[in-house]
C-alpha atoms as a PDB file:
ATOM      1  CA  MET A   1     -49.725  -0.506   5.866  1.00  0.00           C
ATOM      2  CA  SER A   2     -48.469  -0.601   2.311  1.00  0.00           C
ATOM      3  CA  ILE A   3     -47.635  -3.826   0.551  1.00  0.00           C
ATOM      4  CA  LEU A   4     -44.614  -3.994  -1.769  1.00  0.00           C
ATOM      5  CA  PRO A   5     -45.828  -4.554  -5.324  1.00  0.00           C
ATOM      6  CA  LEU A   6     -45.152  -8.119  -6.517  1.00  0.00           C
ATOM      7  CA  HIS A   7     -43.100  -7.015  -9.536  1.00  0.00           C
ATOM      8  CA  LEU A   8     -40.615  -5.387  -7.151  1.00  0.00           C
ATOM      9  CA  LEU A   9     -40.182  -8.604  -5.235  1.00  0.00           C
ATOM     10  CA  ARG A  10     -39.485 -10.525  -8.487  1.00  0.00           C
ATOM     11  CA  ARG A  11     -36.233  -8.735  -9.341  1.00  0.00           C
ATOM     12  CA  HIS A  12     -33.889 -11.470  -8.203  1.00  0.00           C
ATOM     13  CA  HIS A  13     -32.608  -9.420  -5.220  1.00  0.00           C
ATOM     14  CA  LEU A  14     -30.588 -12.151  -3.658  1.00  0.00           C
ATOM     15  CA  PRO A  15     -27.390 -13.804  -4.984  1.00  0.00           C
ATOM     16  CA  ILE A  16     -27.951 -17.595  -5.154  1.00  0.00           C
ATOM     17  CA  GLU A  17     -25.497 -20.510  -5.318  1.00  0.00           C
ATOM     18  CA  ALA A  18     -25.993 -24.217  -5.902  1.00  0.00           C
ATOM     19  CA  HIS A  19     -24.298 -27.376  -7.171  1.00  0.00           C
ATOM     20  CA  PHE A  20     -25.497 -29.238 -10.232  1.00  0.00           C
ATOM     21  CA  ASP A  21     -25.146 -33.020 -10.025  1.00  0.00           C
ATOM     22  CA  TRP A  22     -25.910 -32.931 -13.709  1.00  0.00           C
ATOM     23  CA  SER A  23     -27.515 -30.656 -16.297  1.00  0.00           C
ATOM     24  CA  LEU A  24     -28.995 -31.994 -19.534  1.00  0.00           C
ATOM     25  CA  ALA A  25     -29.742 -29.387 -22.255  1.00  0.00           C
ATOM     26  CA  VAL A  26     -31.697 -30.358 -25.408  1.00  0.00           C
ATOM     27  CA  VAL A  27     -32.113 -27.701 -28.115  1.00  0.00           C
ATOM     28  CA  TRP A  28     -34.612 -27.438 -30.998  1.00  0.00           C
ATOM     29  CA  SER A  29     -34.549 -24.993 -33.944  1.00  0.00           C
ATOM     30  CA  TRP A  30     -37.172 -23.180 -35.938  1.00  0.00           C
ATOM     31  CA  PRO A  31     -36.915 -20.603 -38.711  1.00  0.00           C
ATOM     32  CA  GLU A  32     -36.344 -17.336 -36.905  1.00  0.00           C
ATOM     33  CA  GLU A  33     -39.519 -15.715 -38.093  1.00  0.00           C
ATOM     34  CA  ARG A  34     -41.612 -18.323 -36.311  1.00  0.00           C
ATOM     35  CA  LEU A  35     -40.089 -17.625 -32.882  1.00  0.00           C
ATOM     36  CA  ALA A  36     -39.753 -13.839 -33.222  1.00  0.00           C
ATOM     37  CA  PRO A  37     -43.138 -13.128 -31.500  1.00  0.00           C
ATOM     38  CA  LEU A  38     -41.766 -14.736 -28.267  1.00  0.00           C
ATOM     39  CA  CYS A  39     -39.036 -12.101 -27.770  1.00  0.00           C
ATOM     40  CA  GLY A  40     -41.040  -9.225 -26.387  1.00  0.00           C
ATOM     41  CA  PRO A  41     -39.681  -5.703 -25.763  1.00  0.00           C
ATOM     42  CA  GLY A  42     -35.942  -5.224 -25.660  1.00  0.00           C
ATOM     43  CA  LEU A  43     -34.879  -8.631 -26.926  1.00  0.00           C
ATOM     44  CA  LYS A  44     -33.802 -10.101 -30.210  1.00  0.00           C
ATOM     45  CA  LEU A  45     -33.404 -13.670 -31.181  1.00  0.00           C
ATOM     46  CA  ASP A  46     -29.952 -15.292 -30.979  1.00  0.00           C
ATOM     47  CA  THR A  47     -29.776 -16.963 -34.344  1.00  0.00           C
ATOM     48  CA  TYR A  48     -27.584 -19.148 -36.596  1.00  0.00           C
ATOM     49  CA  GLU A  49     -28.089 -19.227 -40.349  1.00  0.00           C
ATOM     50  CA  GLY A  50     -31.666 -17.940 -40.120  1.00  0.00           C
ATOM     51  CA  ASN A  51     -32.636 -20.284 -37.332  1.00  0.00           C
ATOM     52  CA  ALA A  52     -33.710 -19.531 -33.744  1.00  0.00           C
ATOM     53  CA  PHE A  53     -33.597 -21.894 -30.793  1.00  0.00           C
ATOM     54  CA  VAL A  54     -35.452 -23.140 -27.700  1.00  0.00           C
ATOM     55  CA  ALA A  55     -33.654 -25.269 -25.074  1.00  0.00           C
ATOM     56  CA  LEU A  56     -35.031 -27.727 -22.598  1.00  0.00           C
ATOM     57  CA  ALA A  57     -32.874 -27.749 -19.469  1.00  0.00           C
ATOM     58  CA  LEU A  58     -33.172 -30.625 -16.982  1.00  0.00           C
ATOM     59  CA  VAL A  59     -31.075 -30.043 -13.909  1.00  0.00           C
ATOM     60  CA  LYS A  60     -30.489 -31.967 -10.709  1.00  0.00           C
ATOM     61  CA  THR A  61     -29.803 -29.137  -8.278  1.00  0.00           C
ATOM     62  CA  ARG A  62     -28.267 -29.654  -4.854  1.00  0.00           C
ATOM     63  CA  GLY A  63     -27.892 -27.220  -1.978  1.00  0.00           C
ATOM     64  CA  LEU A  64     -29.530 -24.175  -3.612  1.00  0.00           C
ATOM     65  CA  ARG A  65     -29.343 -21.289  -1.137  1.00  0.00           C
ATOM     66  CA  MET A  66     -28.543 -17.656  -0.700  1.00  0.00           C
ATOM     67  CA  LYS A  67     -24.834 -17.085  -1.406  1.00  0.00           C
ATOM     68  CA  GLY A  68     -22.719 -17.351   1.700  1.00  0.00           C
ATOM     69  CA  LEU A  69     -25.041 -19.591   3.725  1.00  0.00           C
ATOM     70  CA  PRO A  70     -23.815 -23.051   4.761  1.00  0.00           C
ATOM     71  CA  ARG A  71     -24.772 -25.832   2.373  1.00  0.00           C
ATOM     72  CA  ALA A  72     -27.007 -27.364   5.082  1.00  0.00           C
ATOM     73  CA  PHE A  73     -29.463 -24.479   4.444  1.00  0.00           C
ATOM     74  CA  GLY A  74     -29.805 -25.422   0.755  1.00  0.00           C
ATOM     75  CA  ARG A  75     -32.680 -27.147  -1.047  1.00  0.00           C
ATOM     76  CA  ASP A  76     -32.350 -30.180  -3.386  1.00  0.00           C
ATOM     77  CA  PHE A  77     -34.695 -30.537  -6.324  1.00  0.00           C
ATOM     78  CA  VAL A  78     -34.926 -31.326 -10.064  1.00  0.00           C
ATOM     79  CA  LEU A  79     -35.708 -28.499 -12.502  1.00  0.00           C
ATOM     80  CA  ALA A  80     -37.208 -28.669 -15.956  1.00  0.00           C
ATOM     81  CA  GLY A  81     -37.254 -25.405 -17.941  1.00  0.00           C
ATOM     82  CA  PHE A  82     -37.788 -24.173 -21.485  1.00  0.00           C
ATOM     83  CA  ARG A  83     -35.723 -21.150 -22.595  1.00  0.00           C
ATOM     84  CA  LEU A  84     -35.484 -19.026 -25.713  1.00  0.00           C
ATOM     85  CA  PHE A  85     -32.011 -18.026 -26.945  1.00  0.00           C
ATOM     86  CA  THR A  86     -31.916 -14.219 -27.100  1.00  0.00           C
ATOM     87  CA  ARG A  87     -29.686 -11.176 -27.250  1.00  0.00           C
ATOM     88  CA  TYR A  88     -30.022  -7.928 -25.396  1.00  0.00           C
ATOM     89  CA  THR A  89     -28.185  -4.570 -25.904  1.00  0.00           C
ATOM     90  CA  THR A  90     -27.687  -2.516 -22.720  1.00  0.00           C
ATOM     91  CA  ARG A  91     -28.102   1.268 -22.523  1.00  0.00           C
ATOM     92  CA  GLU A  92     -24.259   1.452 -22.698  1.00  0.00           C
ATOM     93  CA  GLY A  93     -24.227  -0.506 -25.884  1.00  0.00           C
ATOM     94  CA  ARG A  94     -23.014  -3.873 -24.521  1.00  0.00           C
ATOM     95  CA  ARG A  95     -24.368  -6.816 -26.508  1.00  0.00           C
ATOM     96  CA  LEU A  96     -25.222  -9.739 -24.272  1.00  0.00           C
ATOM     97  CA  ARG A  97     -26.248 -13.337 -25.081  1.00  0.00           C
ATOM     98  CA  GLY A  98     -28.810 -14.938 -22.816  1.00  0.00           C
ATOM     99  CA  LEU A  99     -32.041 -16.793 -22.320  1.00  0.00           C
ATOM    100  CA  LYS A 100     -35.669 -15.842 -21.842  1.00  0.00           C
ATOM    101  CA  ILE A 101     -37.592 -18.280 -19.641  1.00  0.00           C
ATOM    102  CA  LEU A 102     -40.711 -19.640 -21.386  1.00  0.00           C
ATOM    103  CA  GLY A 103     -41.931 -22.067 -18.799  1.00  0.00           C
ATOM    104  CA  GLY A 104     -41.181 -25.173 -16.783  1.00  0.00           C
ATOM    105  CA  GLY A 105     -41.239 -26.392 -13.218  1.00  0.00           C
ATOM    106  CA  ALA A 106     -39.585 -28.173 -10.320  1.00  0.00           C
ATOM    107  CA  ASP A 107     -40.394 -31.171  -8.217  1.00  0.00           C
ATOM    108  CA  SER A 108     -40.188 -29.133  -4.964  1.00  0.00           C
ATOM    109  CA  LEU A 109     -43.385 -27.385  -4.003  1.00  0.00           C
ATOM    110  CA  GLY A 110     -41.440 -25.007  -1.773  1.00  0.00           C
ATOM    111  CA  MET A 111     -39.063 -23.990  -4.500  1.00  0.00           C
ATOM    112  CA  THR A 112     -41.892 -23.510  -6.924  1.00  0.00           C
ATOM    113  CA  LEU A 113     -43.769 -21.190  -4.579  1.00  0.00           C
ATOM    114  CA  LEU A 114     -40.649 -19.255  -3.598  1.00  0.00           C
ATOM    115  CA  GLY A 115     -39.621 -18.934  -7.244  1.00  0.00           C
ATOM    116  CA  SER A 116     -43.038 -17.533  -8.143  1.00  0.00           C
ATOM    117  CA  ILE A 117     -42.648 -14.837  -5.503  1.00  0.00           C
ATOM    118  CA  MET A 118     -39.018 -13.933  -5.822  1.00  0.00           C
ATOM    119  CA  THR A 119     -38.398 -14.318  -9.585  1.00  0.00           C
ATOM    120  CA  HIS A 120     -40.113 -13.963 -12.914  1.00  0.00           C
ATOM    121  CA  TYR A 121     -39.858 -17.689 -13.704  1.00  0.00           C
ATOM    122  CA  ARG A 122     -43.385 -18.689 -12.659  1.00  0.00           C
ATOM    123  CA  TYR A 123     -42.585 -22.426 -12.521  1.00  0.00           C
ATOM    124  CA  ARG A 124     -45.237 -25.122 -12.043  1.00  0.00           C
ATOM    125  CA  HIS A 125     -44.982 -27.861  -9.499  1.00  0.00           C
ATOM    126  CA  LEU A 126     -44.168 -31.064 -11.366  1.00  0.00           C
ATOM    127  CA  ARG A 127     -43.755 -34.657 -10.548  1.00  0.00           C
ATOM    128  CA  ILE A 128     -40.315 -35.670 -11.833  1.00  0.00           C
ATOM    129  CA  GLU A 129     -38.940 -39.182 -11.884  1.00  0.00           C
ATOM    130  CA  VAL A 130     -35.260 -39.759 -12.559  1.00  0.00           C
ATOM    131  CA  VAL A 131     -33.752 -43.129 -13.381  1.00  0.00           C
ATOM    132  CA  GLU A 132     -29.983 -43.077 -13.720  1.00  0.00           C
ATOM    133  CA  THR A 133     -27.561 -45.883 -14.533  1.00  0.00           C
ATOM    134  CA  PRO A 134     -23.892 -45.738 -15.610  1.00  0.00           C
ATOM    135  CA  ASP A 135     -25.061 -45.769 -19.262  1.00  0.00           C
ATOM    136  CA  ARG A 136     -28.379 -43.946 -19.232  1.00  0.00           C
ATOM    137  CA  LEU A 137     -30.265 -40.996 -17.760  1.00  0.00           C
ATOM    138  CA  GLY A 138     -34.022 -41.141 -18.008  1.00  0.00           C
ATOM    139  CA  ILE A 139     -36.356 -38.360 -16.919  1.00  0.00           C
ATOM    140  CA  VAL A 140     -40.155 -38.373 -16.799  1.00  0.00           C
ATOM    141  CA  THR A 141     -42.271 -35.416 -15.717  1.00  0.00           C
ATOM    142  CA  SER A 142     -45.967 -35.073 -15.162  1.00  0.00           C
ATOM    143  CA  GLY A 143     -48.463 -32.855 -13.362  1.00  0.00           C
ATOM    144  CA  GLY A 144     -48.006 -29.888 -15.726  1.00  0.00           C
ATOM    145  CA  HIS A 145     -45.641 -30.478 -18.658  1.00  0.00           C
ATOM    146  CA  HIS A 146     -45.369 -34.064 -19.700  1.00  0.00           C
ATOM    147  CA  LEU A 147     -41.860 -35.102 -20.745  1.00  0.00           C
ATOM    148  CA  ARG A 148     -40.204 -38.444 -21.327  1.00  0.00           C
ATOM    149  CA  VAL A 149     -36.483 -38.114 -22.133  1.00  0.00           C
ATOM    150  CA  LEU A 150     -33.702 -40.629 -22.380  1.00  0.00           C
ATOM    151  CA  ALA A 151     -30.047 -39.768 -22.763  1.00  0.00           C
ATOM    152  CA  GLN A 152     -27.320 -42.352 -23.580  1.00  0.00           C
ATOM    153  CA  THR A 153     -24.502 -41.287 -21.271  1.00  0.00           C
ATOM    154  CA  SER A 154     -21.898 -44.019 -21.882  1.00  0.00           C
ATOM    155  CA  PRO A 155     -18.675 -42.594 -23.379  1.00  0.00           C
ATOM    156  CA  GLU A 156     -18.873 -45.370 -25.965  1.00  0.00           C
ATOM    157  CA  ARG A 157     -22.102 -43.860 -27.258  1.00  0.00           C
ATOM    158  CA  GLU A 158     -20.939 -40.286 -27.382  1.00  0.00           C
ATOM    159  CA  PRO A 159     -21.849 -38.714 -30.771  1.00  0.00           C
ATOM    160  CA  THR A 160     -19.266 -37.308 -33.079  1.00  0.00           C
ATOM    161  CA  SER A 161     -21.719 -35.038 -34.890  1.00  0.00           C
ATOM    162  CA  PRO A 162     -25.002 -33.232 -34.140  1.00  0.00           C
ATOM    163  CA  PRO A 163     -28.298 -35.138 -34.450  1.00  0.00           C
ATOM    164  CA  THR A 164     -29.509 -36.131 -37.899  1.00  0.00           C
ATOM    165  CA  GLY A 165     -31.308 -33.185 -39.436  1.00  0.00           C
ATOM    166  CA  SER A 166     -29.674 -30.598 -37.193  1.00  0.00           C
ATOM    167  CA  VAL A 167     -29.078 -27.125 -38.555  1.00  0.00           C
ATOM    168  CA  PHE A 168     -25.597 -27.226 -37.093  1.00  0.00           C
ATOM    169  CA  PRO A 169     -22.765 -28.525 -39.345  1.00  0.00           C
ATOM    170  CA  ASP A 170     -20.591 -29.849 -36.484  1.00  0.00           C
ATOM    171  CA  LEU A 171     -20.339 -30.186 -32.679  1.00  0.00           C
ATOM    172  CA  ARG A 172     -18.143 -27.104 -32.368  1.00  0.00           C
ATOM    173  CA  THR A 173     -20.876 -24.929 -33.785  1.00  0.00           C
ATOM    174  CA  ALA A 174     -23.612 -26.774 -31.893  1.00  0.00           C
ATOM    175  CA  ARG A 175     -21.767 -26.161 -28.572  1.00  0.00           C
ATOM    176  CA  ARG A 176     -22.274 -22.409 -29.020  1.00  0.00           C
ATOM    177  CA  PHE A 177     -25.939 -23.055 -28.341  1.00  0.00           C
ATOM    178  CA  ALA A 178     -25.507 -25.732 -25.700  1.00  0.00           C
ATOM    179  CA  GLY A 179     -26.514 -23.455 -22.737  1.00  0.00           C
ATOM    180  CA  PRO A 180     -26.685 -22.077 -20.313  1.00  0.00           C
ATOM    181  CA  MET A 181     -25.939 -18.673 -21.601  1.00  0.00           C
ATOM    182  CA  PRO A 182     -24.216 -15.981 -19.443  1.00  0.00           C
ATOM    183  CA  TYR A 183     -27.484 -14.152 -18.754  1.00  0.00           C
ATOM    184  CA  THR A 184     -31.208 -14.667 -18.174  1.00  0.00           C
ATOM    185  CA  PHE A 185     -33.535 -11.905 -19.350  1.00  0.00           C
ATOM    186  CA  ASP A 186     -37.098 -11.033 -18.524  1.00  0.00           C
ATOM    187  CA  TYR A 187     -39.317  -8.030 -19.304  1.00  0.00           C
ATOM    188  CA  GLU A 188     -40.935  -6.053 -16.490  1.00  0.00           C
ATOM    189  CA  ALA A 189     -43.992  -4.542 -18.017  1.00  0.00           C
ATOM    190  CA  GLU A 190     -44.842  -2.343 -14.995  1.00  0.00           C
ATOM    191  CA  THR A 191     -41.685  -0.240 -15.536  1.00  0.00           C
ATOM    192  CA  HIS A 192     -40.896  -1.047 -19.201  1.00  0.00           C
ATOM    193  CA  SER A 193     -37.571  -2.488 -17.892  1.00  0.00           C
ATOM    194  CA  MET A 194     -35.369  -5.471 -18.566  1.00  0.00           C
ATOM    195  CA  ILE A 195     -34.263  -7.603 -15.652  1.00  0.00           C
ATOM    196  CA  ARG A 196     -31.045  -9.463 -16.284  1.00  0.00           C
ATOM    197  CA  VAL A 197     -29.393 -12.043 -14.072  1.00  0.00           C
ATOM    198  CA  GLU A 198     -25.813 -13.135 -14.643  1.00  0.00           C
ATOM    199  CA  GLY A 199     -24.955 -16.780 -14.129  1.00  0.00           C
ATOM    200  CA  VAL A 200     -21.418 -17.703 -13.118  1.00  0.00           C
ATOM    201  CA  ARG A 201     -20.283 -21.337 -13.643  1.00  0.00           C
ATOM    202  CA  ARG A 202     -17.118 -23.266 -12.929  1.00  0.00           C
ATOM    203  CA  GLU A 203     -15.701 -26.327 -14.714  1.00  0.00           C
ATOM    204  CA  TRP A 204     -18.330 -26.358 -17.468  1.00  0.00           C
ATOM    205  CA  HIS A 205     -17.428 -29.032 -19.977  1.00  0.00           C
ATOM    206  CA  PRO A 206     -20.585 -30.164 -21.856  1.00  0.00           C
ATOM    207  CA  ARG A 207     -20.421 -33.599 -23.567  1.00  0.00           C
ATOM    208  CA  PRO A 208     -22.634 -34.365 -26.519  1.00  0.00           C
ATOM    209  CA  VAL A 209     -25.119 -37.186 -25.882  1.00  0.00           C
ATOM    210  CA  GLU A 210     -27.457 -39.325 -27.884  1.00  0.00           C
ATOM    211  CA  ILE A 211     -31.035 -38.330 -26.976  1.00  0.00           C
ATOM    212  CA  GLU A 212     -34.524 -39.792 -27.352  1.00  0.00           C
ATOM    213  CA  ILE A 213     -37.600 -37.652 -26.758  1.00  0.00           C
ATOM    214  CA  GLU A 214     -40.669 -39.877 -26.437  1.00  0.00           C
ATOM    215  CA  THR A 215     -43.060 -37.234 -25.030  1.00  0.00           C
ATOM    216  CA  ASN A 216     -42.848 -33.422 -24.894  1.00  0.00           C
ATOM    217  CA  SER A 217     -46.169 -31.753 -24.280  1.00  0.00           C
ATOM    218  CA  PHE A 218     -44.721 -28.257 -24.058  1.00  0.00           C
ATOM    219  CA  PHE A 219     -44.520 -28.018 -27.852  1.00  0.00           C
ATOM    220  CA  ASP A 220     -48.110 -29.294 -28.189  1.00  0.00           C
ATOM    221  CA  GLU A 221     -49.774 -26.344 -26.437  1.00  0.00           C
ATOM    222  CA  GLY A 222     -50.078 -22.600 -26.580  1.00  0.00           C
ATOM    223  CA  PHE A 223     -47.852 -20.698 -28.974  1.00  0.00           C
ATOM    224  CA  PHE A 224     -45.917 -23.759 -30.156  1.00  0.00           C
ATOM    225  CA  ALA A 225     -49.049 -25.652 -31.214  1.00  0.00           C
ATOM    226  CA  GLY A 226     -49.455 -23.141 -34.030  1.00  0.00           C
ATOM    227  CA  ILE A 227     -45.985 -23.062 -35.553  1.00  0.00           C
ATOM    228  CA  GLY A 228     -45.258 -26.667 -36.296  1.00  0.00           C
ATOM    229  CA  PRO A 229     -42.578 -28.960 -34.925  1.00  0.00           C
ATOM    230  CA  GLY A 230     -38.981 -27.898 -34.420  1.00  0.00           C
ATOM    231  CA  ARG A 231     -35.868 -29.769 -35.467  1.00  0.00           C
ATOM    232  CA  LEU A 232     -33.696 -31.401 -32.867  1.00  0.00           C
ATOM    233  CA  ALA A 233     -30.438 -29.360 -32.966  1.00  0.00           C
ATOM    234  CA  ASN A 234     -28.204 -30.629 -30.187  1.00  0.00           C
ATOM    235  CA  ALA A 235     -28.063 -32.393 -26.812  1.00  0.00           C
ATOM    236  CA  PHE A 236     -25.319 -31.919 -24.170  1.00  0.00           C
ATOM    237  CA  LEU A 237     -24.726 -33.193 -20.680  1.00  0.00           C
ATOM    238  CA  VAL A 238     -22.554 -31.703 -17.955  1.00  0.00           C
ATOM    239  CA  ARG A 239     -21.805 -33.104 -14.479  1.00  0.00           C
ATOM    240  CA  GLU A 240     -20.634 -31.772 -11.062  1.00  0.00           C
ATOM    241  CA  VAL A 241     -20.766 -28.015 -11.587  1.00  0.00           C
ATOM    242  CA  ASP A 242     -20.890 -25.215  -9.009  1.00  0.00           C
ATOM    243  CA  TYR A 243     -23.167 -22.423 -10.165  1.00  0.00           C
ATOM    244  CA  GLU A 244     -23.986 -18.919  -8.989  1.00  0.00           C
ATOM    245  CA  TRP A 245     -26.707 -16.395  -9.925  1.00  0.00           C
ATOM    246  CA  ARG A 246     -25.781 -12.846  -9.134  1.00  0.00           C
ATOM    247  CA  ARG A 247     -28.230 -10.149  -8.054  1.00  0.00           C
ATOM    248  CA  GLY A 248     -30.604  -9.045 -10.762  1.00  0.00           C
ATOM    249  CA  ILE A 249     -29.979  -5.772 -12.591  1.00  0.00           C
ATOM    250  CA  VAL A 250     -32.968  -3.662 -13.668  1.00  0.00           C
ATOM    251  CA  GLU A 251     -32.535  -1.410 -16.624  1.00  0.00           C
ATOM    252  CA  ARG A 252     -35.207   0.702 -18.330  1.00  0.00           C
ATOM    253  CA  ILE A 253     -35.402  -0.211 -22.031  1.00  0.00           C
ATOM    254  CA  SER A 254     -34.223   2.596 -24.275  1.00  0.00           C
ATOM    255  CA  GLY A 255     -35.126   3.365 -27.885  1.00  0.00           C
ATOM    256  CA  GLU A 256     -38.695   2.061 -27.779  1.00  0.00           C
END
């Protein structure tokens, strides 16, 4: 009996839907030449004024399930993921903005295992603690990546400009890199193909938030340990959003 190769299973065959109670995105910048090695075949960096960007997404996900199933079949969990802002040109010449997953995890062992089999995301199982009040959102992760993040969510504390030292001149420009992007990209080495997954969101109105990052071990290891610290570029929070991931599209990379 033949066994289907794992890379064929990881092509995001099923459309998925979920509700986000909240999604917190924090973005850092580096000079583009420092992040260029992360792109891989078929992708280019999505840049602004010579800078490239990595986002941390922290998402409280509710009712994640195959599209069309009743919500009772869904799974609830908290996700923490790091993504690289990229661009991809299809064989037809369409230029798409999107994200390449670099790493992360979820606090659900079942979702971590399923995600490792059915997608390219390869998340780790993390312990994630969330403390939420009307004025603050605190998130601490351990067991893989160690994070300690605090967002000031009171409307009275809403920033009127990007963080000090940001490469963005104003919030309007910063919002262009607030995430999520329309697509997620990943390279399939076995077939020299790009897998792209389109995300569809409704009522997406990100609010800028004041952020404190006490611990972030992701940038202390591997590739990032050798390129120096990034600059905090923006932080945005969105609440109560319905989200859908469409079936993955596999396209052999041309011109390489």
